[in-house]
Amino acid sequence: IEDVLRIGKVDDQQINTKFLRFYQDSTLQAL
């Protein structure tokens, strides 16, 4: 989350939602 994707801090209250939404991209789902 923090070093590869760089989408925030793992202890952010909203990070799980951000993480899940990030990978809903069709390209990433295909990967």
PDB file of all heavy atoms in Angstrom:
ATOM      1  N   ILE A   1       0.813  -1.216   0.000  1.00  0.00           N
ATOM      2  CA  ILE A   1       0.000   0.000   0.000  1.00  0.00           C
ATOM      3  C   ILE A   1       0.847   1.267   0.000  1.00  0.00           C
ATOM      4  O   ILE A   1       0.578   2.214  -0.750  1.00  0.00           O
ATOM      5  CB  ILE A   1      -0.959  -0.010   1.210  1.00  0.00           C
ATOM      6  CG1 ILE A   1      -2.049  -1.068   0.988  1.00  0.00           C
ATOM      7  CG2 ILE A   1      -1.582   1.363   1.442  1.00  0.00           C
ATOM      8  CD1 ILE A   1      -2.966  -1.269   2.174  1.00  0.00           C
ATOM      9  N   GLU A   2       1.897   1.278   0.832  1.00  0.00           N
ATOM     10  CA  GLU A   2       2.664   2.508   1.007  1.00  0.00           C
ATOM     11  C   GLU A   2       3.827   2.665   0.032  1.00  0.00           C
ATOM     12  O   GLU A   2       4.124   3.790  -0.391  1.00  0.00           O
ATOM     13  CB  GLU A   2       3.186   2.583   2.445  1.00  0.00           C
ATOM     14  CG  GLU A   2       2.082   2.652   3.487  1.00  0.00           C
ATOM     15  CD  GLU A   2       2.611   2.822   4.902  1.00  0.00           C
ATOM     16  OE1 GLU A   2       3.849   2.857   5.084  1.00  0.00           O
ATOM     17  OE2 GLU A   2       1.783   2.915   5.838  1.00  0.00           O
ATOM     18  N   ASP A   3       4.483   1.564  -0.339  1.00  0.00           N
ATOM     19  CA  ASP A   3       5.703   1.671  -1.156  1.00  0.00           C
ATOM     20  C   ASP A   3       5.506   1.294  -2.614  1.00  0.00           C
ATOM     21  O   ASP A   3       6.179   1.837  -3.483  1.00  0.00           O
ATOM     22  CB  ASP A   3       6.808   0.796  -0.548  1.00  0.00           C
ATOM     23  CG  ASP A   3       7.155   1.191   0.875  1.00  0.00           C
ATOM     24  OD1 ASP A   3       7.043   2.395   1.182  1.00  0.00           O
ATOM     25  OD2 ASP A   3       7.518   0.318   1.673  1.00  0.00           O
ATOM     26  N   VAL A   4       4.606   0.348  -2.871  1.00  0.00           N
ATOM     27  CA  VAL A   4       4.396  -0.086  -4.258  1.00  0.00           C
ATOM     28  C   VAL A   4       3.307   0.754  -4.921  1.00  0.00           C
ATOM     29  O   VAL A   4       3.531   1.383  -5.956  1.00  0.00           O
ATOM     30  CB  VAL A   4       4.029  -1.585  -4.321  1.00  0.00           C
ATOM     31  CG1 VAL A   4       3.777  -2.013  -5.767  1.00  0.00           C
ATOM     32  CG2 VAL A   4       5.150  -2.429  -3.720  1.00  0.00           C
ATOM     33  N   LEU A   5       2.132   0.788  -4.307  1.00  0.00           N
ATOM     34  CA  LEU A   5       1.004   1.517  -4.887  1.00  0.00           C
ATOM     35  C   LEU A   5       1.026   3.008  -4.540  1.00  0.00           C
ATOM     36  O   LEU A   5       0.548   3.837  -5.313  1.00  0.00           O
ATOM     37  CB  LEU A   5      -0.319   0.906  -4.409  1.00  0.00           C
ATOM     38  CG  LEU A   5      -0.502  -0.589  -4.660  1.00  0.00           C
ATOM     39  CD1 LEU A   5      -1.843  -1.051  -4.099  1.00  0.00           C
ATOM     40  CD2 LEU A   5      -0.415  -0.903  -6.149  1.00  0.00           C
ATOM     41  N   ARG A   6       1.549   3.303  -3.362  1.00  0.00           N
ATOM     42  CA  ARG A   6       1.633   4.697  -2.863  1.00  0.00           C
ATOM     43  C   ARG A   6       0.253   5.371  -2.852  1.00  0.00           C
ATOM     44  O   ARG A   6       0.080   6.470  -3.368  1.00  0.00           O
ATOM     45  CB  ARG A   6       2.612   5.516  -3.703  1.00  0.00           C
ATOM     46  CG  ARG A   6       4.044   5.011  -3.673  1.00  0.00           C
ATOM     47  CD  ARG A   6       4.982   5.972  -4.388  1.00  0.00           C
ATOM     48  NE  ARG A   6       6.349   5.485  -4.396  1.00  0.00           N
ATOM     49  CZ  ARG A   6       6.877   4.752  -5.349  1.00  0.00           C
ATOM     50  NH1 ARG A   6       6.127   4.421  -6.399  1.00  0.00           N
ATOM     51  NH2 ARG A   6       8.120   4.336  -5.302  1.00  0.00           N
ATOM     52  N   ILE A   7      -0.711   4.699  -2.255  1.00  0.00           N
ATOM     53  CA  ILE A   7      -2.070   5.249  -2.220  1.00  0.00           C
ATOM     54  C   ILE A   7      -2.450   5.765  -0.837  1.00  0.00           C
ATOM     55  O   ILE A   7      -3.592   6.190  -0.621  1.00  0.00           O
ATOM     56  CB  ILE A   7      -3.107   4.202  -2.672  1.00  0.00           C
ATOM     57  CG1 ILE A   7      -3.049   2.953  -1.787  1.00  0.00           C
ATOM     58  CG2 ILE A   7      -2.913   3.845  -4.130  1.00  0.00           C
ATOM     59  CD1 ILE A   7      -4.147   1.944  -2.088  1.00  0.00           C
ATOM     60  N   GLY A   8      -1.500   5.753   0.093  1.00  0.00           N
ATOM     61  CA  GLY A   8      -1.781   6.258   1.430  1.00  0.00           C
ATOM     62  C   GLY A   8      -1.082   5.439   2.499  1.00  0.00           C
ATOM     63  O   GLY A   8      -0.261   4.568   2.201  1.00  0.00           O
ATOM     64  N   LYS A   9      -1.392   5.738   3.750  1.00  0.00           N
ATOM     65  CA  LYS A   9      -0.828   5.037   4.889  1.00  0.00           C
ATOM     66  C   LYS A   9      -1.736   3.886   5.300  1.00  0.00           C
ATOM     67  O   LYS A   9      -2.962   4.004   5.246  1.00  0.00           O
ATOM     68  CB  LYS A   9      -0.634   5.990   6.074  1.00  0.00           C
ATOM     69  CG  LYS A   9       0.365   7.103   5.803  1.00  0.00           C
ATOM     70  CD  LYS A   9       1.761   6.540   5.591  1.00  0.00           C
ATOM     71  CE  LYS A   9       2.774   7.641   5.381  1.00  0.00           C
ATOM     72  NZ  LYS A   9       4.152   7.103   5.152  1.00  0.00           N
ATOM     73  N   VAL A  10      -1.135   2.807   5.719  1.00  0.00           N
ATOM     74  CA  VAL A  10      -1.902   1.607   6.028  1.00  0.00           C
ATOM     75  C   VAL A  10      -2.832   1.801   7.226  1.00  0.00           C
ATOM     76  O   VAL A  10      -3.820   1.074   7.386  1.00  0.00           O
ATOM     77  CB  VAL A  10      -0.940   0.416   6.264  1.00  0.00           C
ATOM     78  CG1 VAL A  10      -0.244   0.522   7.615  1.00  0.00           C
ATOM     79  CG2 VAL A  10      -1.664  -0.913   6.129  1.00  0.00           C
ATOM     80  N   ASP A  11      -2.523   2.788   8.082  1.00  0.00           N
ATOM     81  CA  ASP A  11      -3.375   3.030   9.241  1.00  0.00           C
ATOM     82  C   ASP A  11      -4.438   4.101   8.985  1.00  0.00           C
ATOM     83  O   ASP A  11      -5.180   4.490   9.893  1.00  0.00           O
ATOM     84  CB  ASP A  11      -2.534   3.406  10.465  1.00  0.00           C
ATOM     85  CG  ASP A  11      -1.606   4.585  10.201  1.00  0.00           C
ATOM     86  OD1 ASP A  11      -1.638   5.137   9.077  1.00  0.00           O
ATOM     87  OD2 ASP A  11      -0.848   4.954  11.121  1.00  0.00           O
ATOM     88  N   ASP A  12      -4.537   4.564   7.750  1.00  0.00           N
ATOM     89  CA  ASP A  12      -5.602   5.499   7.366  1.00  0.00           C
ATOM     90  C   ASP A  12      -6.955   4.784   7.493  1.00  0.00           C
ATOM     91  O   ASP A  12      -7.115   3.650   7.038  1.00  0.00           O
ATOM     92  CB  ASP A  12      -5.368   5.947   5.920  1.00  0.00           C
ATOM     93  CG  ASP A  12      -6.389   6.967   5.433  1.00  0.00           C
ATOM     94  OD1 ASP A  12      -7.456   7.107   6.059  1.00  0.00           O
ATOM     95  OD2 ASP A  12      -6.128   7.610   4.401  1.00  0.00           O
ATOM     96  N   GLN A  13      -7.925   5.430   8.109  1.00  0.00           N
ATOM     97  CA  GLN A  13      -9.233   4.800   8.333  1.00  0.00           C
ATOM     98  C   GLN A  13      -9.929   4.416   7.031  1.00  0.00           C
ATOM     99  O   GLN A  13     -10.739   3.481   7.011  1.00  0.00           O
ATOM    100  CB  GLN A  13     -10.135   5.745   9.140  1.00  0.00           C
ATOM    101  CG  GLN A  13      -9.697   5.924  10.581  1.00  0.00           C
ATOM    102  CD  GLN A  13     -10.684   6.751  11.378  1.00  0.00           C
ATOM    103  OE1 GLN A  13     -11.614   7.345  10.818  1.00  0.00           O
ATOM    104  NE2 GLN A  13     -10.508   6.801  12.697  1.00  0.00           N
ATOM    105  N   GLN A  14      -9.623   5.110   5.955  1.00  0.00           N
ATOM    106  CA  GLN A  14     -10.277   4.857   4.676  1.00  0.00           C
ATOM    107  C   GLN A  14      -9.416   4.014   3.722  1.00  0.00           C
ATOM    108  O   GLN A  14      -9.796   3.816   2.571  1.00  0.00           O
ATOM    109  CB  GLN A  14     -10.613   6.195   3.995  1.00  0.00           C
ATOM    110  CG  GLN A  14     -11.529   7.090   4.793  1.00  0.00           C
ATOM    111  CD  GLN A  14     -12.867   6.428   5.053  1.00  0.00           C
ATOM    112  OE1 GLN A  14     -13.457   5.795   4.166  1.00  0.00           O
ATOM    113  NE2 GLN A  14     -13.376   6.575   6.280  1.00  0.00           N
ATOM    114  N   ILE A  15      -8.282   3.524   4.215  1.00  0.00           N
ATOM    115  CA  ILE A  15      -7.325   2.883   3.293  1.00  0.00           C
ATOM    116  C   ILE A  15      -7.882   1.605   2.678  1.00  0.00           C
ATOM    117  O   ILE A  15      -7.602   1.298   1.516  1.00  0.00           O
ATOM    118  CB  ILE A  15      -5.980   2.592   3.999  1.00  0.00           C
ATOM    119  CG1 ILE A  15      -4.895   2.322   2.941  1.00  0.00           C
ATOM    120  CG2 ILE A  15      -6.120   1.452   4.984  1.00  0.00           C
ATOM    121  CD1 ILE A  15      -4.616   3.467   2.012  1.00  0.00           C
ATOM    122  N   ASN A  16      -8.678   0.839   3.405  1.00  0.00           N
ATOM    123  CA  ASN A  16      -9.220  -0.400   2.839  1.00  0.00           C
ATOM    124  C   ASN A  16     -10.140  -0.111   1.662  1.00  0.00           C
ATOM    125  O   ASN A  16     -10.133  -0.827   0.655  1.00  0.00           O
ATOM    126  CB  ASN A  16      -9.975  -1.194   3.910  1.00  0.00           C
ATOM    127  CG  ASN A  16      -9.050  -1.694   5.005  1.00  0.00           C
ATOM    128  OD1 ASN A  16      -7.852  -1.866   4.784  1.00  0.00           O
ATOM    129  ND2 ASN A  16      -9.600  -1.903   6.182  1.00  0.00           N
ATOM    130  N   THR A  17     -10.933   0.951   1.794  1.00  0.00           N
ATOM    131  CA  THR A  17     -11.817   1.346   0.697  1.00  0.00           C
ATOM    132  C   THR A  17     -11.008   1.833  -0.493  1.00  0.00           C
ATOM    133  O   THR A  17     -11.297   1.479  -1.643  1.00  0.00           O
ATOM    134  CB  THR A  17     -12.779   2.460   1.163  1.00  0.00           C
ATOM    135  OG1 THR A  17     -13.533   1.982   2.270  1.00  0.00           O
ATOM    136  CG2 THR A  17     -13.715   2.866   0.037  1.00  0.00           C
ATOM    137  N   LYS A  18      -9.965   2.641  -0.233  1.00  0.00           N
ATOM    138  CA  LYS A  18      -9.096   3.142  -1.300  1.00  0.00           C
ATOM    139  C   LYS A  18      -8.406   1.988  -2.023  1.00  0.00           C
ATOM    140  O   LYS A  18      -8.305   1.970  -3.247  1.00  0.00           O
ATOM    141  CB  LYS A  18      -8.037   4.086  -0.732  1.00  0.00           C
ATOM    142  CG  LYS A  18      -8.544   5.412  -0.220  1.00  0.00           C
ATOM    143  CD  LYS A  18      -7.385   6.244   0.316  1.00  0.00           C
ATOM    144  CE  LYS A  18      -7.857   7.565   0.893  1.00  0.00           C
ATOM    145  NZ  LYS A  18      -6.719   8.350   1.441  1.00  0.00           N
ATOM    146  N   PHE A  19      -7.945   1.046  -1.215  1.00  0.00           N
ATOM    147  CA  PHE A  19      -7.226  -0.114  -1.752  1.00  0.00           C
ATOM    148  C   PHE A  19      -8.131  -0.922  -2.682  1.00  0.00           C
ATOM    149  O   PHE A  19      -7.755  -1.281  -3.803  1.00  0.00           O
ATOM    150  CB  PHE A  19      -6.742  -0.960  -0.576  1.00  0.00           C
ATOM    151  CG  PHE A  19      -5.927  -2.164  -0.960  1.00  0.00           C
ATOM    152  CD1 PHE A  19      -4.864  -2.064  -1.838  1.00  0.00           C
ATOM    153  CD2 PHE A  19      -6.212  -3.414  -0.403  1.00  0.00           C
ATOM    154  CE1 PHE A  19      -4.100  -3.178  -2.177  1.00  0.00           C
ATOM    155  CE2 PHE A  19      -5.457  -4.522  -0.729  1.00  0.00           C
ATOM    156  CZ  PHE A  19      -4.402  -4.410  -1.619  1.00  0.00           C
ATOM    157  N   LEU A  20      -9.337  -1.194  -2.235  1.00  0.00           N
ATOM    158  CA  LEU A  20     -10.274  -1.991  -3.032  1.00  0.00           C
ATOM    159  C   LEU A  20     -10.686  -1.248  -4.302  1.00  0.00           C
ATOM    160  O   LEU A  20     -10.718  -1.834  -5.387  1.00  0.00           O
ATOM    161  CB  LEU A  20     -11.511  -2.322  -2.189  1.00  0.00           C
ATOM    162  CG  LEU A  20     -12.504  -3.308  -2.801  1.00  0.00           C
ATOM    163  CD1 LEU A  20     -11.838  -4.643  -3.112  1.00  0.00           C
ATOM    164  CD2 LEU A  20     -13.684  -3.516  -1.846  1.00  0.00           C
ATOM    165  N   ARG A  21     -10.965   0.035  -4.175  1.00  0.00           N
ATOM    166  CA  ARG A  21     -11.368   0.827  -5.336  1.00  0.00           C
ATOM    167  C   ARG A  21     -10.237   0.947  -6.354  1.00  0.00           C
ATOM    168  O   ARG A  21     -10.487   0.938  -7.564  1.00  0.00           O
ATOM    169  CB  ARG A  21     -11.806   2.218  -4.891  1.00  0.00           C
ATOM    170  CG  ARG A  21     -13.177   2.245  -4.218  1.00  0.00           C
ATOM    171  CD  ARG A  21     -13.528   3.649  -3.777  1.00  0.00           C
ATOM    172  NE  ARG A  21     -14.869   3.703  -3.167  1.00  0.00           N
ATOM    173  CZ  ARG A  21     -15.355   4.771  -2.554  1.00  0.00           C
ATOM    174  NH1 ARG A  21     -14.621   5.890  -2.472  1.00  0.00           N
ATOM    175  NH2 ARG A  21     -16.559   4.736  -2.045  1.00  0.00           N
ATOM    176  N   PHE A  22      -9.021   1.059  -5.865  1.00  0.00           N
ATOM    177  CA  PHE A  22      -7.869   1.200  -6.762  1.00  0.00           C
ATOM    178  C   PHE A  22      -7.808   0.043  -7.748  1.00  0.00           C
ATOM    179  O   PHE A  22      -7.518   0.215  -8.936  1.00  0.00           O
ATOM    180  CB  PHE A  22      -6.578   1.265  -5.940  1.00  0.00           C
ATOM    181  CG  PHE A  22      -5.330   1.463  -6.757  1.00  0.00           C
ATOM    182  CD1 PHE A  22      -4.910   2.733  -7.125  1.00  0.00           C
ATOM    183  CD2 PHE A  22      -4.558   0.370  -7.165  1.00  0.00           C
ATOM    184  CE1 PHE A  22      -3.757   2.918  -7.879  1.00  0.00           C
ATOM    185  CE2 PHE A  22      -3.413   0.542  -7.921  1.00  0.00           C
ATOM    186  CZ  PHE A  22      -3.003   1.822  -8.277  1.00  0.00           C
ATOM    187  N   TYR A  23      -8.078  -1.167  -7.260  1.00  0.00           N
ATOM    188  CA  TYR A  23      -7.956  -2.364  -8.099  1.00  0.00           C
ATOM    189  C   TYR A  23      -9.234  -2.694  -8.880  1.00  0.00           C
ATOM    190  O   TYR A  23      -9.275  -3.729  -9.544  1.00  0.00           O
ATOM    191  CB  TYR A  23      -7.545  -3.558  -7.245  1.00  0.00           C
ATOM    192  CG  TYR A  23      -6.055  -3.658  -7.032  1.00  0.00           C
ATOM    193  CD1 TYR A  23      -5.472  -3.158  -5.865  1.00  0.00           C
ATOM    194  CD2 TYR A  23      -5.229  -4.232  -7.987  1.00  0.00           C
ATOM    195  CE1 TYR A  23      -4.104  -3.246  -5.659  1.00  0.00           C
ATOM    196  CE2 TYR A  23      -3.859  -4.334  -7.791  1.00  0.00           C
ATOM    197  CZ  TYR A  23      -3.305  -3.826  -6.628  1.00  0.00           C
ATOM    198  OH  TYR A  23      -1.940  -3.913  -6.443  1.00  0.00           O
ATOM    199  N   GLN A  24     -10.236  -1.842  -8.800  1.00  0.00           N
ATOM    200  CA  GLN A  24     -11.435  -2.103  -9.596  1.00  0.00           C
ATOM    201  C   GLN A  24     -11.238  -1.710 -11.052  1.00  0.00           C
ATOM    202  O   GLN A  24     -12.074  -2.021 -11.906  1.00  0.00           O
ATOM    203  CB  GLN A  24     -12.638  -1.359  -9.006  1.00  0.00           C
ATOM    204  CG  GLN A  24     -13.023  -1.835  -7.619  1.00  0.00           C
ATOM    205  CD  GLN A  24     -13.062  -3.357  -7.496  1.00  0.00           C
ATOM    206  OE1 GLN A  24     -13.845  -4.016  -8.187  1.00  0.00           O
ATOM    207  NE2 GLN A  24     -12.224  -3.921  -6.634  1.00  0.00           N
ATOM    208  N   ASP A  25     -10.132  -1.043 -11.336  1.00  0.00           N
ATOM    209  CA  ASP A  25      -9.776  -0.715 -12.721  1.00  0.00           C
ATOM    210  C   ASP A  25      -9.726  -2.002 -13.543  1.00  0.00           C
ATOM    211  O   ASP A  25      -9.161  -3.011 -13.109  1.00  0.00           O
ATOM    212  CB  ASP A  25      -8.413  -0.013 -12.732  1.00  0.00           C
ATOM    213  CG  ASP A  25      -7.930   0.296 -14.137  1.00  0.00           C
ATOM    214  OD1 ASP A  25      -8.320   1.332 -14.680  1.00  0.00           O
ATOM    215  OD2 ASP A  25      -7.177  -0.538 -14.692  1.00  0.00           O
ATOM    216  N   SER A  26     -10.311  -1.978 -14.729  1.00  0.00           N
ATOM    217  CA  SER A  26     -10.406  -3.188 -15.548  1.00  0.00           C
ATOM    218  C   SER A  26      -9.036  -3.752 -15.921  1.00  0.00           C
ATOM    219  O   SER A  26      -8.853  -4.968 -16.009  1.00  0.00           O
ATOM    220  CB  SER A  26     -11.217  -2.907 -16.821  1.00  0.00           C
ATOM    221  OG  SER A  26     -10.612  -1.874 -17.584  1.00  0.00           O
ATOM    222  N   THR A  27      -8.060  -2.865 -16.133  1.00  0.00           N
ATOM    223  CA  THR A  27      -6.704  -3.325 -16.474  1.00  0.00           C
ATOM    224  C   THR A  27      -6.094  -4.097 -15.320  1.00  0.00           C
ATOM    225  O   THR A  27      -5.495  -5.170 -15.511  1.00  0.00           O
ATOM    226  CB  THR A  27      -5.802  -2.123 -16.830  1.00  0.00           C
ATOM    227  OG1 THR A  27      -6.313  -1.472 -17.995  1.00  0.00           O
ATOM    228  CG2 THR A  27      -4.368  -2.585 -17.100  1.00  0.00           C
ATOM    229  N   LEU A  28      -6.252  -3.583 -14.105  1.00  0.00           N
ATOM    230  CA  LEU A  28      -5.687  -4.254 -12.941  1.00  0.00           C
ATOM    231  C   LEU A  28      -6.418  -5.558 -12.639  1.00  0.00           C
ATOM    232  O   LEU A  28      -5.796  -6.541 -12.213  1.00  0.00           O
ATOM    233  CB  LEU A  28      -5.728  -3.325 -11.726  1.00  0.00           C
ATOM    234  CG  LEU A  28      -4.849  -2.067 -11.830  1.00  0.00           C
ATOM    235  CD1 LEU A  28      -4.949  -1.235 -10.560  1.00  0.00           C
ATOM    236  CD2 LEU A  28      -3.398  -2.439 -12.110  1.00  0.00           C
ATOM    237  N   GLN A  29      -7.718  -5.590 -12.872  1.00  0.00           N
ATOM    238  CA  GLN A  29      -8.459  -6.836 -12.685  1.00  0.00           C
ATOM    239  C   GLN A  29      -7.967  -7.902 -13.667  1.00  0.00           C
ATOM    240  O   GLN A  29      -7.853  -9.080 -13.326  1.00  0.00           O
ATOM    241  CB  GLN A  29      -9.960  -6.596 -12.871  1.00  0.00           C
ATOM    242  CG  GLN A  29     -10.625  -5.860 -11.709  1.00  0.00           C
ATOM    243  CD  GLN A  29     -10.732  -6.724 -10.466  1.00  0.00           C
ATOM    244  OE1 GLN A  29     -11.162  -7.868 -10.502  1.00  0.00           O
ATOM    245  NE2 GLN A  29     -10.324  -6.160  -9.320  1.00  0.00           N
ATOM    246  N   ALA A  30      -7.655  -7.463 -14.897  1.00  0.00           N
ATOM    247  CA  ALA A  30      -7.127  -8.395 -15.900  1.00  0.00           C
ATOM    248  C   ALA A  30      -5.757  -8.909 -15.473  1.00  0.00           C
ATOM    249  O   ALA A  30      -5.437 -10.095 -15.656  1.00  0.00           O
ATOM    250  CB  ALA A  30      -7.049  -7.713 -17.261  1.00  0.00           C
ATOM    251  N   LEU A  31      -4.926  -8.031 -14.893  1.00  0.00           N
ATOM    252  CA  LEU A  31      -3.604  -8.437 -14.411  1.00  0.00           C
ATOM    253  C   LEU A  31      -3.720  -9.467 -13.296  1.00  0.00           C
ATOM    254  O   LEU A  31      -2.980 -10.451 -13.259  1.00  0.00           O
ATOM    255  CB  LEU A  31      -2.829  -7.214 -13.906  1.00  0.00           C
ATOM    256  CG  LEU A  31      -2.252  -6.261 -14.952  1.00  0.00           C
ATOM    257  CD1 LEU A  31      -1.629  -5.054 -14.265  1.00  0.00           C
ATOM    258  CD2 LEU A  31      -1.214  -6.965 -15.818  1.00  0.00           C
TER     259      LEU A  31
END
